[in-house]
Amino acid sequence: MIHAVSSMLSGVMTMSFETTCKIENMQSSYLPDVSIMELSCNDGIKIRMDIHRKVNIFKVGEKVIVTISKSLPQYVEGRDFVAHGYIISKRMENSNYVIYISLWGFILILSTQKPETFSEFKVMDKVYVKIVPQS
């Protein structure tokens, strides 16, 4: 189930998106020590992301919770993956609505057939990506 959450934090509206995913594949990138992780999520959302081996705490077949937020989410250091970056593109590709997020050079690509899923996020928004093992 997908959760879109709005809240007031210090007088500023914050937006976040959360979904449950399964890690379907992990393959080597052309870049040294970088893997490409592929996730299938609820409601038909697909995620592909670059991840460096030094911060990769995930395994193929594992279920995770992915959160994308405009504010720093709560996390457990050493257990959760948290990174921040910027939405660099939103566009249609092959009848899918696609968002590209740059996490300081590492790319995360979200793809869905439902454009309203990410309608609150705009190009150049600073976002946080949190990925945690599902308990």
Protein backbone atom coordinates (compact mmCIF):
# COMPACT_ATOMS: atom_id res chain seq x y z
CA MET A 1 0.00 0.00 0.00
CA ILE A 2 1.24 3.45 -0.90
CA HIS A 3 1.06 6.23 1.65
CA ALA A 4 1.30 9.88 0.72
CA VAL A 5 1.70 11.95 3.84
CA SER A 6 1.49 15.70 4.34
CA SER A 7 2.43 17.32 7.63
CA MET A 8 3.24 20.71 9.07
CA LEU A 9 6.77 20.85 10.47
CA SER A 10 7.98 24.20 11.84
CA GLY A 11 5.25 25.94 9.84
CA VAL A 12 6.44 24.36 6.57
CA MET A 13 4.37 21.82 4.65
CA THR A 14 6.36 18.62 4.16
CA MET A 15 5.49 15.87 1.71
CA SER A 16 6.48 12.24 1.80
CA PHE A 17 5.74 9.08 -0.08
CA GLU A 18 6.12 5.54 1.29
CA THR A 19 5.71 2.12 -0.30
CA THR A 20 6.71 -1.50 0.28
CA CYS A 21 9.04 -3.06 -2.28
CA LYS A 22 10.86 -6.28 -3.04
CA ILE A 23 14.45 -6.24 -4.29
CA GLU A 24 14.20 -8.17 -7.55
CA ASN A 25 17.71 -7.87 -8.94
CA MET A 26 21.18 -6.56 -8.18
CA GLN A 27 23.65 -6.28 -11.05
CA SER A 28 27.09 -4.78 -11.45
CA SER A 29 27.33 -1.34 -12.99
CA TYR A 30 30.05 -0.25 -15.36
CA LEU A 31 31.28 1.94 -12.51
CA PRO A 32 33.64 0.20 -10.07
CA ASP A 33 32.06 -0.85 -6.75
CA VAL A 34 28.59 0.28 -7.87
CA SER A 35 25.57 -2.00 -8.29
CA ILE A 36 22.21 -1.32 -9.92
CA MET A 37 19.40 -2.39 -7.61
CA GLU A 38 15.96 -3.09 -9.09
CA LEU A 39 12.85 -3.02 -6.90
CA SER A 40 9.22 -3.87 -7.60
CA CYS A 41 6.85 -1.98 -5.35
CA ASN A 42 3.18 -1.81 -4.51
CA ASP A 43 0.79 -0.39 -7.04
CA GLY A 44 3.08 -1.18 -9.98
CA ILE A 45 5.89 1.20 -9.04
CA LYS A 46 9.37 0.21 -10.25
CA ILE A 47 12.62 1.58 -8.87
CA ARG A 48 16.14 1.30 -10.30
CA MET A 49 18.96 2.82 -8.37
CA ASP A 50 22.73 2.99 -8.24
CA ILE A 51 24.18 1.95 -4.91
CA HIS A 52 27.83 1.80 -3.81
CA ARG A 53 28.99 -1.44 -2.22
CA LYS A 54 30.13 0.38 0.94
CA VAL A 55 26.55 1.45 1.72
CA ASN A 56 24.69 -1.49 0.19
CA ILE A 57 23.02 -3.34 3.05
CA PHE A 58 20.43 -5.13 0.90
CA LYS A 59 20.00 -8.58 -0.67
CA VAL A 60 17.97 -9.85 -3.62
CA GLY A 61 14.58 -11.14 -2.44
CA GLU A 62 14.49 -8.85 0.60
CA LYS A 63 11.37 -6.77 1.29
CA VAL A 64 11.98 -3.13 2.13
CA ILE A 65 10.07 0.06 2.85
CA VAL A 66 11.01 2.99 0.61
CA THR A 67 10.28 6.55 1.74
CA ILE A 68 10.82 9.68 -0.30
CA SER A 69 10.41 12.84 1.73
CA LYS A 70 11.04 16.57 1.57
CA SER A 71 12.22 16.49 5.18
CA LEU A 72 14.80 14.33 6.95
CA PRO A 73 12.99 11.16 8.06
CA GLN A 74 13.68 9.43 11.35
CA TYR A 75 16.16 6.61 10.86
CA VAL A 76 18.36 4.15 12.72
CA GLU A 77 22.05 4.78 12.00
CA GLY A 78 23.80 1.63 10.78
CA ARG A 79 20.52 -0.10 9.89
CA ASP A 80 18.71 2.21 7.49
CA PHE A 81 19.88 3.60 4.15
CA VAL A 82 19.26 7.35 4.03
CA ALA A 83 20.53 9.76 1.37
CA HIS A 84 19.51 13.16 0.10
CA GLY A 85 19.55 14.60 -3.35
CA TYR A 86 17.45 16.44 -5.91
CA ILE A 87 14.70 15.59 -8.35
CA ILE A 88 16.41 16.27 -11.66
CA SER A 89 13.68 15.23 -14.11
CA LYS A 90 9.99 14.28 -14.35
CA ARG A 91 8.71 13.01 -17.68
CA MET A 92 6.69 10.44 -19.61
CA GLU A 93 8.57 7.44 -21.03
CA ASN A 94 6.77 4.60 -22.83
CA SER A 95 3.42 5.44 -21.14
CA ASN A 96 5.08 5.56 -17.69
CA TYR A 97 5.52 8.59 -15.49
CA VAL A 98 9.22 8.67 -14.53
CA ILE A 99 11.08 10.65 -11.89
CA TYR A 100 14.88 10.86 -11.80
CA ILE A 101 16.54 11.66 -8.48
CA SER A 102 20.25 12.40 -8.22
CA LEU A 103 21.72 11.31 -4.90
CA TRP A 104 24.98 13.23 -5.32
CA GLY A 105 25.67 11.55 -8.65
CA PHE A 106 24.05 8.19 -7.96
CA ILE A 107 20.75 7.97 -9.84
CA LEU A 108 17.42 6.66 -8.58
CA ILE A 109 14.65 6.19 -11.16
CA LEU A 110 11.01 5.77 -10.13
CA SER A 111 8.49 4.63 -12.72
CA THR A 112 4.70 4.39 -12.42
CA GLN A 113 1.62 4.53 -14.61
CA LYS A 114 -0.11 6.81 -12.10
CA PRO A 115 1.19 10.41 -12.42
CA GLU A 116 -0.68 11.50 -9.28
CA THR A 117 1.62 9.28 -7.19
CA PHE A 118 4.40 11.90 -7.25
CA SER A 119 2.44 15.02 -8.19
CA GLU A 120 3.55 16.92 -5.06
CA PHE A 121 7.23 16.61 -6.00
CA LYS A 122 8.75 19.12 -8.41
CA VAL A 123 11.99 19.28 -10.40
CA MET A 124 14.85 20.56 -8.20
CA ASP A 125 13.06 19.68 -4.96
CA LYS A 126 15.53 18.50 -2.34
CA VAL A 127 14.41 15.05 -1.22
CA TYR A 128 15.50 12.35 1.19
CA VAL A 129 15.42 8.69 0.23
CA LYS A 130 15.12 6.19 3.05
CA ILE A 131 15.18 2.43 2.50
CA VAL A 132 14.73 0.10 5.45
CA PRO A 133 14.25 -3.67 5.78
CA GLN A 134 10.62 -4.55 6.35
CA SER A 135 10.13 -6.02 9.82
